[in-house]
Amino acid sequence: MARTKKTESVPVRIRFKELKNGCKSIYLDIYVDGKRSYEFLKLSLVPETSPEARAQNEHTLKAANAIKAQRILDLANKKPISVMNEKAKMTLVDWIKEYEQIKVKQGKKSVSDHTQSCLARLTKYNTKIKVHEVDLEFIEGFIAFLETQKNRRTKEPLSKKTIALYAGTVLWALNLAVEMEIIPTNPLQCFDWKSIKGDKKTRAYLTIEELGKLKNTSYRREDITKPFLFSCFSGLRISDVRSLKWKNLIEEDGKAHLELIQKKTGKTLYLPLSRQAREFMPEHRDDGDKNIFIIPDLHTVGRHLRLWAKDAGVAKDFTFHVSRHTFATLTLTMGADIYTTAELMGHSDVETTQVYGKIIDTKKISAVYMIDRLFD
């Protein structure tokens, strides 16, 4: 049987960022050896309102493609590329301090009050995370941490308004980082901010029926759908799916498992893979140091997940991280105990996993009430 021709992944791609004036800033998305970096080209496309504007955009795109070609050539010649903005490598704590200084210089002195309070909490939670590493899972964890904290004066739990203010400070600081072209997009824009002010948010997950609909609905962006479904059946975070290499896959006696160091915790995870999870991995096995999946940026992922869900008839707005919640609820529903599920998910504390146990308890209660309604 003839082998399927392998599609070569492109290490450098041209991306666009919408600007407030209607123009589009051009940057390069560079993905090499499991690491992503960005290069802002200081080039922009203008609204095509005239033949002159269209001609200008054609010229600009040619320049961008020339730079892209040079970067690909540099990579082929093993020339190192270090284009990530240095400020993106700052810790989030240091960037928020700089954000405060910038806002104060702009005349917004009141920003210091909530920024300093936010920094005090953030310093207790995580001082090491860098600006380019912040994602949805980080903000969810920070909010969960804030819900355990108390007001220093009243000794009462922090109010929802205060929690929203602290989490919002992180959002606003990253918005400024996007404006200053330090990072290309703000991943926290996808977070359901209304949930903080209302009742405590129940972790979103896909039901077995919804997962089946998605699984049976083909969509053109398999570089998004396949990693997402793989995560639904493996429980890996998007950061770990991105960095997963063929050498992490161990196959013995017809079975397979993964051995990897988790990006978030730094701990080694030994994860058995089900047949369902293996179904969404590429058929061919590449060199050990090659990545198994090449996943686009979070903004692109979120947009296409919504379109895919619409095609599948799944009336639920979700992000990639829902795949991890789905794995947890599926595992517990199928009868795994809370400690086994915690091990599979790489949780350092079983209390984190107990959140999913409460979801399953709610499903059990609903099932009992369904019996009542059946015989009433």
Protein backbone atom coordinates (compact mmCIF):
# COMPACT_ATOMS: atom_id res chain seq x y z
CA MET A 1 0.00 0.00 0.00
CA ALA A 2 1.36 3.41 -0.96
CA ARG A 3 2.22 5.66 1.98
CA THR A 4 0.24 8.80 2.44
CA LYS A 5 2.34 11.79 1.50
CA LYS A 6 3.41 13.65 4.59
CA THR A 7 2.39 17.29 4.83
CA GLU A 8 5.33 19.42 5.91
CA SER A 9 4.58 21.83 8.70
CA VAL A 10 5.48 25.44 8.05
CA PRO A 11 7.63 26.83 10.90
CA VAL A 12 6.93 30.48 10.02
CA ARG A 13 3.49 31.87 9.28
CA ILE A 14 2.20 35.37 8.58
CA ARG A 15 -0.47 36.54 11.03
CA PHE A 16 -2.55 39.71 11.29
CA LYS A 17 -3.73 41.72 14.28
CA GLU A 18 -6.73 44.04 13.97
CA LEU A 19 -5.99 47.63 14.99
CA LYS A 20 -8.47 50.19 16.26
CA ASN A 21 -8.01 52.38 13.16
CA GLY A 22 -9.14 49.60 10.84
CA CYS A 23 -5.63 48.63 9.74
CA LYS A 24 -4.06 45.21 10.28
CA SER A 25 -0.63 44.89 11.85
CA ILE A 26 1.49 42.08 10.37
CA TYR A 27 3.59 39.74 12.48
CA LEU A 28 5.31 36.38 12.08
CA ASP A 29 4.29 33.35 14.13
CA ILE A 30 7.43 31.19 14.49
CA TYR A 31 7.12 27.66 15.87
CA VAL A 32 10.33 25.67 16.28
CA ASP A 33 11.13 22.68 18.52
CA GLY A 34 7.90 23.03 20.44
CA LYS A 35 8.49 26.72 21.22
CA ARG A 36 6.49 29.61 19.82
CA SER A 37 7.79 33.15 19.32
CA TYR A 38 6.60 36.21 17.45
CA GLU A 39 8.19 38.91 15.34
CA PHE A 40 6.31 42.14 14.75
CA LEU A 41 7.30 43.46 11.34
CA LYS A 42 6.22 47.08 11.78
CA LEU A 43 4.16 46.63 8.62
CA SER A 44 0.43 47.23 8.32
CA LEU A 45 -2.34 46.66 5.78
CA VAL A 46 -4.66 49.62 5.26
CA PRO A 47 -8.41 49.47 4.47
CA GLU A 48 -8.74 48.88 0.71
CA THR A 49 -10.88 51.90 -0.11
CA SER A 50 -9.09 52.75 -3.36
CA PRO A 51 -6.88 51.21 -6.07
CA GLU A 52 -3.91 52.99 -4.47
CA ALA A 53 -4.64 51.32 -1.12
CA ARG A 54 -4.86 47.89 -2.76
CA ALA A 55 -1.54 48.47 -4.53
CA GLN A 56 0.02 49.56 -1.25
CA ASN A 57 -1.21 46.39 0.49
CA GLU A 58 0.18 44.19 -2.30
CA HIS A 59 3.57 45.85 -1.88
CA THR A 60 3.40 45.43 1.92
CA LEU A 61 2.50 41.73 1.66
CA LYS A 62 5.39 41.13 -0.72
CA ALA A 63 7.73 42.68 1.85
CA ALA A 64 6.23 40.53 4.63
CA ASN A 65 6.57 37.36 2.55
CA ALA A 66 10.19 38.23 1.76
CA ILE A 67 10.95 38.49 5.48
CA LYS A 68 9.09 35.22 6.10
CA ALA A 69 11.13 33.47 3.39
CA GLN A 70 14.34 34.77 4.96
CA ARG A 71 13.34 33.48 8.40
CA ILE A 72 12.58 30.02 6.95
CA LEU A 73 15.96 30.06 5.22
CA ASP A 74 17.66 31.05 8.47
CA LEU A 75 16.01 28.11 10.23
CA ALA A 76 17.05 25.72 7.46
CA ASN A 77 20.64 26.92 7.91
CA LYS A 78 20.38 26.40 11.67
CA LYS A 79 20.70 30.12 12.28
CA PRO A 80 19.16 30.92 15.67
CA ILE A 81 16.15 33.21 15.69
CA SER A 82 15.34 35.12 18.84
CA VAL A 83 12.55 37.52 17.99
CA MET A 84 10.23 37.42 21.00
CA ASN A 85 9.87 40.85 22.54
CA GLU A 86 12.03 40.99 25.67
CA LYS A 87 9.12 42.37 27.68
CA ALA A 88 7.12 39.23 26.85
CA LYS A 89 9.74 37.34 28.85
CA MET A 90 9.17 39.54 31.93
CA THR A 91 7.31 38.03 34.86
CA LEU A 92 3.66 39.04 35.02
CA VAL A 93 4.34 40.70 38.38
CA ASP A 94 7.05 42.94 36.88
CA TRP A 95 4.92 43.77 33.85
CA ILE A 96 1.96 44.85 36.00
CA LYS A 97 4.34 47.15 37.90
CA GLU A 98 5.41 48.67 34.58
CA TYR A 99 1.77 48.85 33.46
CA GLU A 100 0.99 50.86 36.59
CA GLN A 101 3.85 53.30 35.90
CA ILE A 102 2.66 53.83 32.32
CA LYS A 103 -0.91 54.51 33.43
CA VAL A 104 0.19 56.92 36.16
CA LYS A 105 2.26 58.88 33.61
CA GLN A 106 -0.89 59.08 31.48
CA GLY A 107 -2.62 60.82 34.39
CA LYS A 108 -4.56 57.79 35.68
CA LYS A 109 -3.19 57.85 39.24
CA SER A 110 -6.18 55.99 40.68
CA VAL A 111 -4.98 52.82 38.95
CA SER A 112 -2.32 52.43 41.66
CA ASP A 113 -4.83 51.48 44.35
CA HIS A 114 -6.18 48.30 42.78
CA THR A 115 -2.89 47.51 41.02
CA GLN A 116 -0.97 47.37 44.30
CA SER A 117 -3.66 45.21 45.91
CA CYS A 118 -3.65 42.90 42.91
CA LEU A 119 0.15 42.60 43.05
CA ALA A 120 0.02 41.66 46.73
CA ARG A 121 -2.31 38.74 45.94
CA LEU A 122 -0.50 37.80 42.74
CA THR A 123 2.83 37.66 44.56
CA LYS A 124 1.36 35.10 46.95
CA TYR A 125 -0.10 33.07 44.09
CA ASN A 126 2.60 32.95 41.37
CA THR A 127 5.68 35.14 40.97
CA LYS A 128 7.34 33.09 38.22
CA ILE A 129 4.84 33.06 35.34
CA LYS A 130 5.94 35.19 32.39
CA VAL A 131 3.78 37.49 30.30
CA HIS A 132 3.79 35.21 27.24
CA GLU A 133 2.87 32.19 29.41
CA VAL A 134 -0.39 33.58 30.82
CA ASP A 135 -3.41 31.63 29.58
CA LEU A 136 -7.00 30.77 30.55
CA GLU A 137 -5.90 28.10 32.99
CA PHE A 138 -3.74 30.64 34.82
CA ILE A 139 -6.59 33.13 35.30
CA GLU A 140 -8.96 30.35 36.40
CA GLY A 141 -6.39 29.26 38.98
CA PHE A 142 -5.80 32.84 40.15
CA ILE A 143 -9.53 33.41 40.59
CA ALA A 144 -9.88 30.13 42.52
CA PHE A 145 -7.00 31.28 44.75
CA LEU A 146 -8.66 34.68 45.33
CA GLU A 147 -11.85 32.91 46.42
CA THR A 148 -9.87 31.41 49.33
CA GLN A 149 -8.47 34.78 50.45
CA LYS A 150 -9.90 37.13 53.08
CA ASN A 151 -10.16 40.89 53.36
CA ARG A 152 -7.31 42.07 55.60
CA ARG A 153 -9.54 44.53 57.43
CA THR A 154 -12.84 42.69 57.86
CA LYS A 155 -11.41 39.13 57.78
CA GLU A 156 -14.34 38.24 55.49
CA PRO A 157 -13.88 36.42 52.15
CA LEU A 158 -13.07 38.72 49.25
CA SER A 159 -16.17 39.99 47.50
CA LYS A 160 -16.94 39.01 43.93
CA LYS A 161 -16.45 42.66 42.94
CA THR A 162 -12.94 42.67 44.44
CA ILE A 163 -12.03 39.39 42.78
CA ALA A 164 -13.26 40.74 39.44
CA LEU A 165 -11.15 43.89 39.97
CA TYR A 166 -7.94 41.93 40.67
CA ALA A 167 -8.48 39.53 37.76
CA GLY A 168 -9.42 42.49 35.57
CA THR A 169 -6.11 44.15 36.40
CA VAL A 170 -4.32 41.21 34.78
CA LEU A 171 -6.61 41.52 31.74
CA TRP A 172 -5.98 45.27 31.36
CA ALA A 173 -2.22 44.85 31.76
CA LEU A 174 -2.20 42.26 28.97
CA ASN A 175 -4.39 44.49 26.79
CA LEU A 176 -1.66 47.13 27.03
CA ALA A 177 0.94 44.47 26.15
CA VAL A 178 -1.03 43.77 22.97
CA GLU A 179 -1.27 47.49 22.13
CA MET A 180 2.49 47.82 22.58
CA GLU A 181 3.03 44.72 20.37
CA ILE A 182 4.70 42.81 23.19
CA ILE A 183 2.33 39.86 22.64
CA PRO A 184 0.10 39.37 19.58
CA THR A 185 -3.19 38.60 21.35
CA ASN A 186 -4.65 38.55 24.86
CA PRO A 187 -5.76 34.98 25.69
CA LEU A 188 -7.83 36.26 28.61
CA GLN A 189 -10.29 37.92 26.22
CA CYS A 190 -11.87 34.47 25.80
CA PHE A 191 -12.63 34.16 29.52
CA ASP A 192 -16.24 34.44 30.73
CA TRP A 193 -15.75 37.52 32.93
CA LYS A 194 -19.45 37.75 33.80
CA SER A 195 -19.13 34.48 35.69
CA ILE A 196 -17.02 36.14 38.40
CA LYS A 197 -19.77 38.58 39.35
CA GLY A 198 -22.51 35.96 39.39
CA ASP A 199 -22.65 32.63 41.17
CA LYS A 200 -19.47 30.64 41.25
CA LYS A 201 -18.89 29.31 37.76
CA THR A 202 -19.44 25.62 37.15
CA ARG A 203 -16.62 24.24 35.08
CA ALA A 204 -17.85 23.82 31.53
CA TYR A 205 -17.51 20.40 29.94
CA LEU A 206 -18.90 18.47 26.98
CA THR A 207 -21.44 15.73 27.50
CA ILE A 208 -20.93 12.35 25.86
CA GLU A 209 -23.61 13.28 23.32
CA GLU A 210 -21.95 16.63 22.50
CA LEU A 211 -18.55 14.98 22.22
CA GLY A 212 -20.02 12.41 19.84
CA LYS A 213 -21.48 15.15 17.64
CA LEU A 214 -18.12 16.90 17.39
CA LYS A 215 -16.30 13.63 16.77
CA ASN A 216 -18.64 12.83 13.85
CA THR A 217 -18.52 16.33 12.29
CA SER A 218 -15.63 16.87 9.91
CA TYR A 219 -14.16 20.38 9.81
CA ARG A 220 -11.45 21.87 7.61
CA ARG A 221 -9.12 22.84 10.45
CA GLU A 222 -7.92 19.41 11.58
CA ASP A 223 -4.87 21.11 13.12
CA ILE A 224 -7.38 22.33 15.73
CA THR A 225 -10.08 19.64 15.89
CA LYS A 226 -7.76 16.64 16.22
CA PRO A 227 -5.62 18.07 19.08
CA PHE A 228 -8.85 19.15 20.83
CA LEU A 229 -10.40 15.68 20.61
CA PHE A 230 -7.08 14.12 21.61
CA SER A 231 -7.14 16.30 24.73
CA CYS A 232 -10.76 15.27 25.45
CA PHE A 233 -9.60 11.65 25.64
CA SER A 234 -6.22 12.25 27.30
CA GLY A 235 -6.82 15.22 29.61
CA LEU A 236 -3.65 17.06 28.58
CA ARG A 237 -3.48 20.84 28.79
CA ILE A 238 -3.01 22.69 25.49
CA SER A 239 0.52 23.66 26.56
CA ASP A 240 1.41 19.98 26.97
CA VAL A 241 -0.29 18.95 23.72
CA ARG A 242 1.71 21.67 21.93
CA SER A 243 5.03 20.46 23.33
CA LEU A 244 4.28 16.75 22.93
CA LYS A 245 6.96 15.00 20.87
CA TRP A 246 7.08 11.52 19.34
CA LYS A 247 9.76 10.51 21.82
CA ASN A 248 7.17 11.01 24.59
CA LEU A 249 5.07 8.17 23.11
CA ILE A 250 6.00 4.72 24.45
CA GLU A 251 4.47 1.67 22.73
CA GLU A 252 4.72 -1.79 24.31
CA ASP A 253 2.72 -4.99 23.76
CA GLY A 254 0.13 -3.25 21.63
CA LYS A 255 -0.53 -0.58 24.24
CA ALA A 256 0.71 3.00 24.45
CA HIS A 257 1.40 5.59 27.10
CA LEU A 258 2.97 9.03 27.33
CA GLU A 259 5.89 10.09 29.49
CA LEU A 260 6.29 13.85 29.65
CA ILE A 261 7.18 16.72 31.93
CA GLN A 262 4.16 18.97 32.40
CA LYS A 263 4.69 22.58 31.38
CA LYS A 264 2.65 24.01 34.24
CA THR A 265 3.84 21.89 37.19
CA GLY A 266 7.24 20.67 35.98
CA LYS A 267 6.32 17.18 37.20
CA THR A 268 6.64 14.00 35.15
CA LEU A 269 3.35 12.51 34.00
CA TYR A 270 2.87 8.86 33.00
CA LEU A 271 -0.35 8.73 31.04
CA PRO A 272 -1.85 5.59 29.45
CA LEU A 273 -3.53 6.34 26.11
CA SER A 274 -6.91 4.93 25.16
CA ARG A 275 -7.73 3.79 21.64
CA GLN A 276 -9.94 6.86 21.31
CA ALA A 277 -7.03 9.18 22.11
CA ARG A 278 -4.73 7.38 19.66
CA GLU A 279 -7.36 7.82 16.92
CA PHE A 280 -6.65 11.56 16.74
CA MET A 281 -2.87 11.31 16.54
CA PRO A 282 -1.18 11.33 13.11
CA GLU A 283 -0.93 7.88 11.54
CA HIS A 284 2.75 8.19 10.70
CA ARG A 285 5.37 8.32 13.40
CA ASP A 286 7.96 11.05 12.89
CA ASP A 287 11.46 11.56 14.30
CA GLY A 288 11.61 11.53 18.09
CA ASP A 289 12.24 15.25 18.49
CA LYS A 290 9.42 16.27 16.13
CA ASN A 291 6.18 17.61 17.59
CA ILE A 292 3.12 15.39 17.23
CA PHE A 293 0.73 18.35 16.87
CA ILE A 294 1.23 21.87 15.51
CA ILE A 295 -1.49 24.06 17.04
CA PRO A 296 -2.20 27.69 16.00
CA ASP A 297 -2.51 30.61 18.43
CA LEU A 298 -5.36 30.64 20.97
CA HIS A 299 -7.35 33.32 19.13
CA THR A 300 -7.45 31.19 15.97
CA VAL A 301 -8.21 28.06 17.98
CA GLY A 302 -11.13 29.69 19.80
CA ARG A 303 -12.67 31.09 16.62
CA HIS A 304 -12.62 27.76 14.79
CA LEU A 305 -13.85 25.78 17.80
CA ARG A 306 -16.95 27.99 17.81
CA LEU A 307 -17.52 27.46 14.08
CA TRP A 308 -16.99 23.71 14.43
CA ALA A 309 -19.46 23.53 17.34
CA LYS A 310 -22.04 25.40 15.26
CA ASP A 311 -21.60 22.94 12.37
CA ALA A 312 -21.98 20.03 14.79
CA GLY A 313 -25.13 21.45 16.36
CA VAL A 314 -23.48 21.86 19.78
CA ALA A 315 -25.05 24.93 21.39
CA LYS A 316 -22.17 25.63 23.74
CA ASP A 317 -19.49 28.33 23.55
CA PHE A 318 -16.24 26.73 24.71
CA THR A 319 -12.46 27.06 24.62
CA PHE A 320 -9.74 24.44 24.18
CA HIS A 321 -9.46 24.05 27.96
CA VAL A 322 -12.96 22.55 28.09
CA SER A 323 -11.40 19.40 26.63
CA ARG A 324 -9.55 18.87 29.93
CA HIS A 325 -12.74 19.35 31.95
CA THR A 326 -14.46 16.91 29.61
CA PHE A 327 -11.81 14.24 30.23
CA ALA A 328 -12.20 14.61 34.00
CA THR A 329 -16.00 14.30 33.97
CA LEU A 330 -15.88 11.38 31.51
CA THR A 331 -13.35 9.52 33.65
CA LEU A 332 -15.34 9.98 36.85
CA THR A 333 -18.62 9.14 35.10
CA MET A 334 -17.12 5.85 33.90
CA GLY A 335 -16.36 4.89 37.51
CA ALA A 336 -12.76 5.97 38.15
CA ASP A 337 -12.11 7.16 41.71
CA ILE A 338 -11.11 10.73 42.49
CA TYR A 339 -7.47 9.82 43.28
CA THR A 340 -6.95 7.93 40.01
CA THR A 341 -8.45 10.85 38.08
CA ALA A 342 -6.15 13.27 39.89
CA GLU A 343 -3.14 11.15 38.88
CA LEU A 344 -4.28 10.97 35.24
CA MET A 345 -4.71 14.74 35.09
CA GLY A 346 -1.42 15.46 36.83
CA HIS A 347 -3.06 17.40 39.64
CA SER A 348 -0.73 18.17 42.55
CA ASP A 349 -3.68 18.39 44.95
CA VAL A 350 -6.70 16.09 44.92
CA GLU A 351 -8.87 19.04 46.03
CA THR A 352 -8.52 20.43 42.50
CA THR A 353 -10.03 17.21 41.13
CA GLN A 354 -12.88 17.24 43.65
CA VAL A 355 -14.47 20.11 41.70
CA TYR A 356 -15.25 17.58 38.98
CA GLY A 357 -16.55 15.13 41.57
CA LYS A 358 -19.20 17.69 42.53
CA ILE A 359 -20.24 17.93 38.88
CA ILE A 360 -20.72 14.16 38.76
CA ASP A 361 -22.72 14.26 42.03
CA THR A 362 -25.03 16.82 40.41
CA LYS A 363 -25.48 14.53 37.39
CA LYS A 364 -26.33 11.62 39.72
CA ILE A 365 -28.96 13.70 41.52
CA SER A 366 -30.48 14.74 38.19
CA ALA A 367 -30.64 11.08 37.15
CA VAL A 368 -32.58 10.18 40.32
CA TYR A 369 -35.06 13.01 39.73
CA MET A 370 -35.53 11.78 36.17
CA ILE A 371 -36.83 8.49 37.62
CA ASP A 372 -39.35 10.43 39.71
CA ARG A 373 -40.58 12.32 36.66
CA LEU A 374 -40.86 9.08 34.69
CA PHE A 375 -43.30 7.49 37.16
CA ASP A 376 -45.19 10.61 38.31
